[in-house]
Protein backbone atom coordinates (compact mmCIF):
# COMPACT_ATOMS: atom_id res chain seq x y z
CA MET A 1 8.14 191.27 36.17
CA ALA A 2 10.00 188.53 38.04
CA THR A 3 12.77 190.96 38.93
CA GLU A 4 10.33 193.57 40.20
CA ARG A 5 8.50 190.90 42.16
CA ALA A 6 11.71 189.81 43.85
CA ARG A 7 12.65 193.40 44.65
CA ILE A 8 9.27 194.05 46.27
CA VAL A 9 9.54 190.90 48.37
CA LYS A 10 13.05 191.88 49.44
CA LEU A 11 11.89 195.38 50.35
CA LEU A 12 8.96 194.11 52.43
CA ALA A 13 11.06 191.42 54.08
CA SER A 14 13.70 193.94 55.15
CA GLU A 15 11.32 196.65 56.34
CA PHE A 16 8.55 194.59 58.00
CA THR A 17 10.67 192.89 60.63
CA PRO A 18 10.13 191.69 64.22
CA ALA A 19 11.13 193.94 67.10
CA VAL A 20 10.37 193.81 70.82
CA GLY A 21 9.53 197.15 72.37
CA CYS A 22 9.86 200.58 70.81
CA THR A 23 12.57 200.39 68.16
CA GLU A 24 14.53 203.43 69.35
CA PRO A 25 15.44 202.12 72.84
CA ALA A 26 15.84 198.66 71.31
CA ALA A 27 18.34 200.08 68.82
CA ILE A 28 20.22 201.83 71.63
CA ALA A 29 20.45 198.56 73.54
CA LEU A 30 21.59 196.79 70.37
CA ALA A 31 24.35 199.35 69.84
CA THR A 32 25.68 199.10 73.41
CA ALA A 33 25.40 195.31 73.26
CA THR A 34 27.42 195.28 70.03
CA ALA A 35 30.15 197.45 71.52
CA TYR A 36 30.31 195.59 74.82
CA HIS A 37 30.27 192.15 73.18
CA ALA A 38 33.45 193.11 71.30
CA ILE A 39 35.39 194.20 74.38
CA GLY A 40 33.94 192.38 77.41
CA GLY A 41 35.15 192.91 80.96
CA GLU A 42 33.81 195.01 83.82
CA PRO A 43 31.84 198.02 82.51
CA ARG A 44 33.00 201.37 83.80
CA GLU A 45 31.38 203.90 81.51
CA ILE A 46 28.73 203.97 78.79
CA GLY A 47 28.26 206.92 76.47
CA VAL A 48 25.57 207.20 73.83
CA SER A 49 25.33 210.06 71.36
CA LEU A 50 22.05 210.22 69.47
CA SER A 51 20.28 212.08 66.73
CA THR A 52 17.49 214.26 68.08
CA ASN A 53 14.96 211.97 66.40
CA VAL A 54 16.20 208.89 68.23
CA LEU A 55 16.48 210.79 71.51
CA LYS A 56 12.91 212.11 71.47
CA ASN A 57 11.43 208.73 70.55
CA ALA A 58 13.38 206.85 73.22
CA TRP A 59 13.04 209.44 75.99
CA ALA A 60 9.87 208.33 77.79
CA VAL A 61 8.87 204.99 76.31
CA GLY A 62 8.57 201.88 78.46
CA ILE A 63 11.18 199.14 78.28
CA PRO A 64 9.74 195.61 77.93
CA GLY A 65 10.17 193.41 80.97
CA THR A 66 10.75 196.39 83.28
CA THR A 67 8.83 199.15 84.99
CA ASP A 68 11.41 201.64 83.71
CA THR A 69 11.52 204.03 80.81
CA GLY A 70 14.14 205.77 78.76
CA ILE A 71 17.56 205.83 77.27
CA GLU A 72 19.78 205.08 80.26
CA VAL A 73 17.98 201.84 81.09
CA ALA A 74 18.11 200.74 77.45
CA ALA A 75 21.86 201.36 77.26
CA LEU A 76 22.50 199.43 80.48
CA LEU A 77 20.34 196.50 79.45
CA GLY A 78 22.22 196.21 76.17
CA VAL A 79 25.44 195.66 78.11
CA VAL A 80 23.83 193.32 80.65
CA LEU A 81 22.12 191.16 78.02
CA ASN A 82 25.21 191.10 75.76
CA ARG A 83 23.38 189.40 72.89
CA PRO A 84 23.73 191.55 69.77
CA GLU A 85 22.71 188.62 67.57
CA ALA A 86 19.16 189.10 68.89
CA ALA A 87 18.99 192.36 66.92
CA LEU A 88 15.80 194.34 67.58
CA GLU A 89 14.32 191.42 69.52
CA LEU A 90 16.95 191.92 72.22
CA PHE A 91 14.39 193.02 74.80
CA SER A 92 12.68 189.63 74.53
CA LEU A 93 15.60 188.40 76.64
CA VAL A 94 14.92 190.79 79.52
CA SER A 95 14.37 188.91 82.77
CA GLU A 96 13.94 189.91 86.38
CA GLY A 97 17.59 189.04 86.95
CA ALA A 98 18.70 191.20 84.03
CA VAL A 99 16.71 194.15 85.37
CA LYS A 100 18.30 193.79 88.81
CA GLU A 101 21.76 193.57 87.27
CA ALA A 102 21.12 196.68 85.18
CA ARG A 103 20.11 198.59 88.30
CA ARG A 104 23.22 197.44 90.12
CA LEU A 105 25.36 198.36 87.12
CA ARG A 106 23.89 201.86 87.14
CA GLU A 107 25.45 202.43 90.57
CA ARG A 108 29.01 201.74 89.40
CA CYS A 109 28.91 202.58 85.69
CA ALA A 110 28.25 206.14 84.57
CA VAL A 111 25.89 206.56 81.62
CA THR A 112 26.01 209.78 79.61
CA VAL A 113 23.54 210.74 76.92
CA THR A 114 24.21 213.48 74.37
CA THR A 115 22.82 214.58 71.03
CA ARG A 116 24.77 215.03 67.81
CA GLY A 117 23.94 217.30 64.90
CA SER A 118 24.51 216.80 61.16
CA VAL A 119 23.86 213.06 61.34
CA PRO A 120 21.19 210.83 59.82
CA ARG A 121 17.80 210.88 61.52
CA VAL A 122 18.46 207.36 62.75
CA TYR A 123 21.84 207.63 64.43
CA ILE A 124 23.39 206.08 67.55
CA HIS A 125 27.02 206.24 68.61
CA ALA A 126 27.70 203.88 71.52
CA ARG A 127 30.97 203.99 73.45
CA VAL A 128 31.54 201.34 76.12
CA VAL A 129 34.53 201.56 78.46
CA THR A 130 35.53 198.52 80.53
CA ASP A 131 38.59 197.34 82.44
CA ARG A 132 39.74 195.79 79.15
CA GLY A 133 39.54 198.89 76.99
CA VAL A 134 37.10 200.80 74.82
CA ALA A 135 34.73 199.65 72.07
CA ILE A 136 32.63 201.84 69.83
CA ALA A 137 29.61 200.88 67.72
CA GLU A 138 27.56 203.06 65.43
CA THR A 139 24.06 202.79 63.98
CA ARG A 140 23.12 204.72 60.84
CA GLU A 141 20.00 205.04 58.70
CA ARG A 142 18.29 201.85 59.95
CA HIS A 143 17.66 200.78 63.51
CA ALA A 144 19.35 197.39 63.24
CA SER A 145 22.26 198.47 61.05
CA VAL A 146 25.15 198.40 63.52
CA ARG A 147 28.78 198.91 62.57
CA LEU A 148 31.54 198.09 65.04
CA LEU A 149 33.95 200.99 64.57
CA GLU A 150 36.68 200.43 67.12
CA VAL A 151 37.87 197.83 69.64
CA ASP A 152 40.59 198.79 72.11
CA GLY A 153 42.08 201.32 69.72
CA ARG A 154 41.88 199.13 66.60
CA GLN A 155 39.76 200.37 63.73
CA GLU A 156 37.29 197.68 62.68
CA VAL A 157 37.09 198.27 58.95
CA ASP A 158 35.24 195.05 58.26
CA GLY A 159 33.42 194.89 61.58
CA CYS A 160 29.93 195.47 60.23
CA ARG A 161 27.10 193.29 61.44
CA LEU A 162 23.99 194.07 59.51
CA ASP A 163 20.49 192.64 59.29
CA PRO A 164 18.51 192.56 56.00
CA GLY A 165 17.76 196.25 56.50
CA CYS A 166 21.38 197.34 56.19
CA LEU A 167 22.72 200.54 54.74
CA PRO A 168 21.65 201.26 51.16
CA GLU A 169 25.16 201.86 49.87
CA GLU A 170 26.44 198.65 51.46
CA CYS A 171 23.91 196.03 50.41
CA GLY A 172 21.77 197.55 47.70
CA ALA A 173 18.74 198.18 49.91
CA ILE A 174 15.72 199.02 47.80
CA SER A 175 14.04 202.40 47.75
CA PRO A 176 10.25 202.14 47.33
CA THR A 177 10.26 204.92 44.75
CA SER A 178 12.74 202.98 42.61
CA LEU A 179 9.89 200.57 41.87
CA GLY A 180 8.12 203.17 39.75
CA THR A 181 4.85 204.86 40.59
CA LEU A 182 2.78 203.52 43.47
CA ALA A 183 0.21 202.24 40.98
CA GLU A 184 2.93 200.34 39.11
CA ALA A 185 4.29 198.79 42.30
CA LEU A 186 0.82 197.83 43.49
CA SER A 187 0.11 196.26 40.12
CA VAL A 188 3.07 193.92 40.65
CA ILE A 189 1.74 192.94 44.07
CA LEU A 190 -1.73 192.24 42.70
CA ASN A 191 -0.32 189.94 40.03
CA MET A 192 2.38 188.06 41.95
CA PRO A 193 1.85 184.55 43.39
CA SER A 194 0.22 184.86 46.80
CA HIS A 195 2.69 182.45 48.41
CA ASP A 196 5.41 185.06 47.87
CA LEU A 197 3.62 187.19 50.44
CA ASP A 198 2.67 184.55 53.01
CA PHE A 199 5.45 185.64 55.36
CA LEU A 200 3.74 189.01 55.79
CA VAL A 201 0.68 187.35 57.31
CA GLU A 202 2.84 185.45 59.77
CA ARG A 203 4.66 188.58 60.87
CA ALA A 204 1.48 190.63 61.06
CA ALA A 205 0.05 188.00 63.43
CA LEU A 206 2.59 189.27 65.97
CA ASN A 207 0.89 192.65 65.86
CA LEU A 208 -2.55 191.16 66.36
CA GLU A 209 -1.24 189.30 69.39
CA ILE A 210 0.08 192.44 71.06
CA ALA A 211 -3.21 194.18 70.24
CA ARG A 212 -5.00 191.46 72.19
CA ALA A 213 -2.50 191.88 75.00
CA GLY A 214 -3.20 195.61 75.02
CA PHE A 215 -6.89 194.94 75.54
CA ALA A 216 -6.11 192.54 78.37
CA THR A 217 -4.20 195.04 80.50
CA ASP A 218 -4.88 198.35 82.20
CA GLU A 219 -1.28 199.50 81.74
CA GLY A 220 -0.55 202.56 79.64
CA ILE A 221 -3.32 205.06 78.90
CA GLY A 222 -5.98 202.36 78.98
CA MET A 223 -7.37 201.39 75.57
CA ARG A 224 -9.01 198.42 77.26
CA ALA A 225 -11.67 200.67 78.76
CA LEU A 226 -12.55 202.10 75.35
CA ARG A 227 -12.68 198.73 73.64
CA GLU A 228 -14.84 197.03 76.25
CA GLY A 229 -17.44 199.73 75.94
CA ARG A 230 -17.38 200.52 79.63
CA LEU A 231 -17.24 204.14 78.54
CA ALA A 232 -18.13 204.58 74.89
CA GLU A 233 -21.31 202.50 74.90
CA THR A 234 -22.61 203.41 78.35
CA VAL A 235 -21.60 207.07 78.50
CA PHE A 236 -21.90 208.16 74.88
CA GLY A 237 -24.11 205.50 73.37
CA PRO A 238 -23.40 203.30 70.33
CA GLY A 239 -21.82 205.15 67.43
CA MET A 240 -22.17 208.56 69.01
CA ALA A 241 -18.55 209.64 68.49
CA SER A 242 -18.76 208.88 64.79
CA ARG A 243 -22.01 210.82 64.42
CA LEU A 244 -20.60 213.87 66.18
CA ALA A 245 -17.47 213.83 64.02
CA LEU A 246 -19.37 213.36 60.76
CA HIS A 247 -21.78 216.19 61.47
CA ALA A 248 -18.96 218.61 62.30
CA ALA A 249 -17.06 217.51 59.20
CA ALA A 250 -20.16 217.92 57.01
CA ALA A 251 -20.65 221.49 58.24
CA CYS A 252 -17.01 222.29 57.52
CA ASP A 253 -17.19 220.63 54.11
CA ALA A 254 -20.21 222.70 53.09
CA ARG A 255 -18.66 225.92 54.33
CA MET A 256 -15.36 225.30 52.55
CA ALA A 257 -17.23 224.39 49.36
CA GLY A 258 -18.94 227.78 49.40
CA VAL A 259 -22.46 226.91 50.60
CA GLN A 260 -24.13 230.26 51.22
CA LEU A 261 -25.23 229.85 54.82
CA PRO A 262 -24.04 231.73 57.91
CA VAL A 263 -22.01 230.07 60.68
CA ALA A 264 -21.21 231.18 64.21
CA SER A 265 -17.46 231.71 64.20
CA CYS A 266 -15.15 231.44 67.19
CA GLY A 267 -11.98 233.50 67.52
CA GLY A 268 -12.43 234.75 63.98
CA SER A 269 -12.73 231.26 62.46
CA GLY A 270 -15.93 229.73 61.12
CA ASN A 271 -14.45 226.23 61.08
CA LEU A 272 -13.33 226.69 64.66
CA GLY A 273 -16.84 227.71 65.65
CA ILE A 274 -18.26 224.65 63.91
CA THR A 275 -15.78 222.29 65.53
CA ALA A 276 -16.30 223.68 69.02
CA SER A 277 -20.10 223.73 68.88
CA VAL A 278 -21.68 221.13 66.59
CA PRO A 279 -20.41 218.06 68.52
CA LEU A 280 -21.51 219.62 71.83
CA MET A 281 -25.02 220.44 70.63
CA LEU A 282 -25.54 216.98 69.18
CA GLY A 283 -23.84 215.20 72.08
CA ALA A 284 -25.89 217.04 74.67
CA ALA A 285 -29.09 216.14 72.81
CA GLU A 286 -28.16 212.46 72.54
CA MET A 287 -27.25 212.34 76.23
CA GLY A 288 -30.51 214.00 77.25
CA ALA A 289 -28.82 217.03 78.80
CA SER A 290 -30.98 219.94 79.89
CA ARG A 291 -30.80 223.26 78.10
CA GLU A 292 -28.89 224.67 81.06
CA LYS A 293 -26.32 221.88 81.00
CA THR A 294 -26.03 222.15 77.23
CA ALA A 295 -25.31 225.87 77.54
CA ARG A 296 -22.65 225.24 80.20
CA ALA A 297 -21.01 222.53 78.10
CA LEU A 298 -21.04 224.80 75.05
CA ALA A 299 -19.55 227.65 77.07
CA ALA A 300 -16.85 225.31 78.39
CA SER A 301 -16.02 224.20 74.87
CA LEU A 302 -15.81 227.71 73.44
CA LEU A 303 -13.82 229.09 76.37
CA THR A 304 -11.37 226.18 76.19
CA THR A 305 -11.04 226.69 72.46
CA LEU A 306 -10.19 230.36 72.89
CA TYR A 307 -7.85 229.60 75.78
CA VAL A 308 -5.83 227.07 73.80
CA LYS A 309 -5.80 229.35 70.75
CA GLU A 310 -4.22 232.05 72.91
CA PHE A 311 -1.14 229.82 73.09
CA VAL A 312 -1.30 228.66 69.48
CA GLY A 313 -2.18 231.99 67.87
CA ARG A 314 -5.15 233.03 65.75
CA LEU A 315 -3.31 231.96 62.63
CA SER A 316 -0.51 229.47 63.02
CA PRO A 317 1.37 226.59 61.39
CA VAL A 318 -0.74 224.10 63.36
CA CYS A 319 -4.41 223.37 62.77
CA GLY A 320 -6.56 225.55 65.03
CA CYS A 321 -9.55 223.25 64.64
CA ALA A 322 -7.49 220.34 65.90
CA LEU A 323 -5.77 222.01 68.85
CA GLY A 324 -8.34 224.65 69.77
CA GLY A 325 -11.61 223.10 68.62
CA GLY A 326 -10.60 219.57 69.54
CA SER A 327 -9.61 220.70 73.02
CA GLY A 328 -12.90 222.54 73.42
CA VAL A 329 -14.96 219.54 72.38
CA ALA A 330 -13.04 217.29 74.75
CA ALA A 331 -13.58 219.65 77.68
CA GLY A 332 -17.27 220.10 76.91
CA LEU A 333 -17.91 216.39 76.50
CA ALA A 334 -16.02 215.64 79.71
CA PHE A 335 -18.37 218.06 81.47
CA LEU A 336 -21.45 216.41 79.95
CA CYS A 337 -20.13 213.07 81.23
CA GLY A 338 -19.97 214.42 84.78
CA GLY A 339 -16.33 215.46 84.86
CA ASP A 340 -15.05 218.31 87.01
CA THR A 341 -12.54 220.96 85.98
CA GLY A 342 -9.61 218.62 86.60
CA THR A 343 -11.19 216.02 84.33
CA MET A 344 -11.80 218.63 81.66
CA ALA A 345 -8.17 219.75 81.84
CA ALA A 346 -7.06 216.12 81.52
CA ALA A 347 -9.23 215.75 78.42
CA VAL A 348 -7.55 218.80 76.88
CA THR A 349 -4.13 217.37 77.73
CA ASN A 350 -5.04 214.17 75.90
CA VAL A 351 -6.01 216.13 72.79
CA VAL A 352 -2.90 218.32 72.77
CA ALA A 353 -0.65 215.31 73.30
CA THR A 354 -2.27 213.65 70.28
CA LEU A 355 -2.85 216.41 67.74
CA ALA A 356 0.01 218.84 68.39
CA GLY A 357 1.61 218.15 65.02
CA MET A 358 -1.41 218.52 62.76
CA LEU A 359 -0.47 221.17 60.18
CA CYS A 360 -2.57 223.99 58.86
CA ASP A 361 -2.01 224.02 55.12
CA GLY A 362 -4.69 226.54 54.31
CA GLY A 363 -8.48 226.68 54.17
CA LYS A 364 -10.04 224.15 51.78
CA VAL A 365 -12.61 221.37 51.61
CA GLY A 366 -9.94 218.99 52.91
CA CYS A 367 -10.26 220.73 56.30
CA SER A 368 -13.41 218.68 56.83
CA LEU A 369 -11.30 215.54 57.28
CA LYS A 370 -9.14 217.31 59.83
CA VAL A 371 -12.28 218.36 61.71
CA TRP A 372 -13.54 214.77 61.61
CA SER A 373 -10.22 213.48 62.96
CA SER A 374 -10.14 216.14 65.66
CA VAL A 375 -13.64 215.41 66.94
CA MET A 376 -13.03 211.66 66.95
CA THR A 377 -9.86 212.25 68.95
CA ALA A 378 -11.70 214.62 71.30
CA CYS A 379 -14.36 212.01 72.03
CA GLN A 380 -11.80 209.39 73.01
CA ALA A 381 -9.79 211.99 74.95
CA ALA A 382 -12.84 212.90 76.98
CA LEU A 383 -13.77 209.29 77.68
CA LEU A 384 -10.26 208.51 78.89
CA ALA A 385 -10.23 211.58 81.12
CA VAL A 386 -13.59 210.66 82.64
CA SER A 387 -12.13 207.26 83.51
CA GLY A 388 -9.24 209.00 85.27
CA ARG A 389 -6.69 208.52 82.52
CA ALA A 390 -4.49 211.14 80.90
CA VAL A 391 -1.19 211.23 79.06
CA PRO A 392 1.31 211.55 81.93
CA ALA A 393 3.75 214.39 82.48
CA GLY A 394 7.06 213.82 80.76
CA ASN A 395 5.48 212.29 77.66
CA GLY A 396 6.70 214.57 74.89
CA LEU A 397 5.11 218.01 75.20
CA VAL A 398 3.11 217.13 78.29
CA GLY A 399 4.21 219.10 81.34
CA PRO A 400 3.29 218.86 85.03
CA ASP A 401 0.06 220.78 84.39
CA LEU A 402 -2.03 221.91 81.46
CA GLU A 403 -0.62 225.44 81.40
CA LYS A 404 2.93 224.16 81.13
CA THR A 405 1.84 221.78 78.38
CA LEU A 406 0.31 224.68 76.46
CA CYS A 407 3.45 226.76 76.98
CA ASN A 408 5.46 223.89 75.48
CA LEU A 409 3.04 223.80 72.57
CA ALA A 410 3.46 227.55 72.08
CA VAL A 411 7.24 227.25 71.94
CA LEU A 412 7.04 224.40 69.45
CA ASN A 413 4.58 226.37 67.35
CA SER A 414 6.48 229.67 67.35
CA GLU A 415 10.07 228.43 67.28
CA GLY A 416 10.14 224.83 66.16
CA MET A 417 7.70 225.35 63.28
CA ALA A 418 8.78 228.86 62.34
CA SER A 419 9.57 227.91 58.74
CA VAL A 420 6.49 225.78 58.10
CA ASP A 421 4.28 228.55 56.68
CA ARG A 422 7.10 229.78 54.45
CA VAL A 423 7.64 226.31 53.04
CA LEU A 424 3.91 225.76 52.55
CA VAL A 425 3.57 229.06 50.67
CA THR A 426 6.44 227.96 48.44
CA ILE A 427 4.69 224.68 47.75
CA LEU A 428 1.37 226.38 47.06
CA GLY A 429 3.06 228.98 44.85
CA GLY A 430 4.63 226.27 42.71
CA ARG A 431 1.27 224.96 41.57
CA THR A 432 -0.12 225.78 38.17
CA SER A 433 -3.71 225.20 39.26
CA PRO A 434 -5.60 224.40 42.51
CA ALA A 435 -5.61 220.72 41.59
CA ALA A 436 -1.93 220.49 40.63
């Protein structure tokens, strides 16, 4: 028991660690800082080669202490800050002076960004060229696991600087599944001395602090407006979003369980019809909308649902209730809240940007939870759009307009997820019973 307790503490200590900013750009900065620190001199060229996973997560995210986003800025700041010992808290050192220096460095130091296949999902290869030579650092498997590979032509066999989350083969990092079943691992936690876990509370307090900061600013999408109730309480009324979602989910649950009652389907799907209509009918009633306005909102929801489904497909690897129905609900609710067509399109953008990856793994009672999640998302998406907020172009799938965003979704659905249904059928076919 003592050994298992120690292993769990080590695992949690290595995986629940402080970081400033999104960990992908922070890891890029750490890699360039590691390489530059080893060579020094006047930077002339920076090259970073990334796994596709790192690239997509670092592409559009904001860099702490700046008004900039993306990979190039992160790579430059790593060189400017030159403090690899700060690990993933490197961006805590960003100052106005550092930002200005990074912008000046951009003018005289070329930065190239490429992707590399057949590498771990977390992978960064940083090459820094200065007037003193070339240094190369590499990150594998974990964001803060940086190995210095080469300095001015010399191979750095022992040049590995690793945090507690280093490579498994190098420091015996613990796999969660090596602890046994989840129930067995949780049993150890429930029976270990509480002081062994005190450090988790201290680290989690950092997350509470940034949550408070998020509610104190209007930067980003604008969660502050939702939290203060300027929208949810005054436009929807207390608890309305939850009621809409639960009613839609209950209808789906009954239908999937085989309750012998008819439903009005949409685009050939009963669940889609439920998702696109139940929240609108209830929402319109709670908001005191006239029958005429209710009918217009319902029409807007259904038309939007069908429009989005045209891009997704009648049957597809992604959940039609989430993308189609959720988009319809968001558009209809935005209309009920006084939004125009631009506002309704922004609400749909917010839904697509959020739910694009929700899988369809077949019809079943579990679909009711997906419907609940989709309607809850649609409510918040509509409220944000009514307040003039939408996920901006350049964020992932989001294009310059809704149609381009939906085209991007279509490509992802048809090409990027082409093998999803095949894999799911294989999984389903391997079961010995529906509950297996």
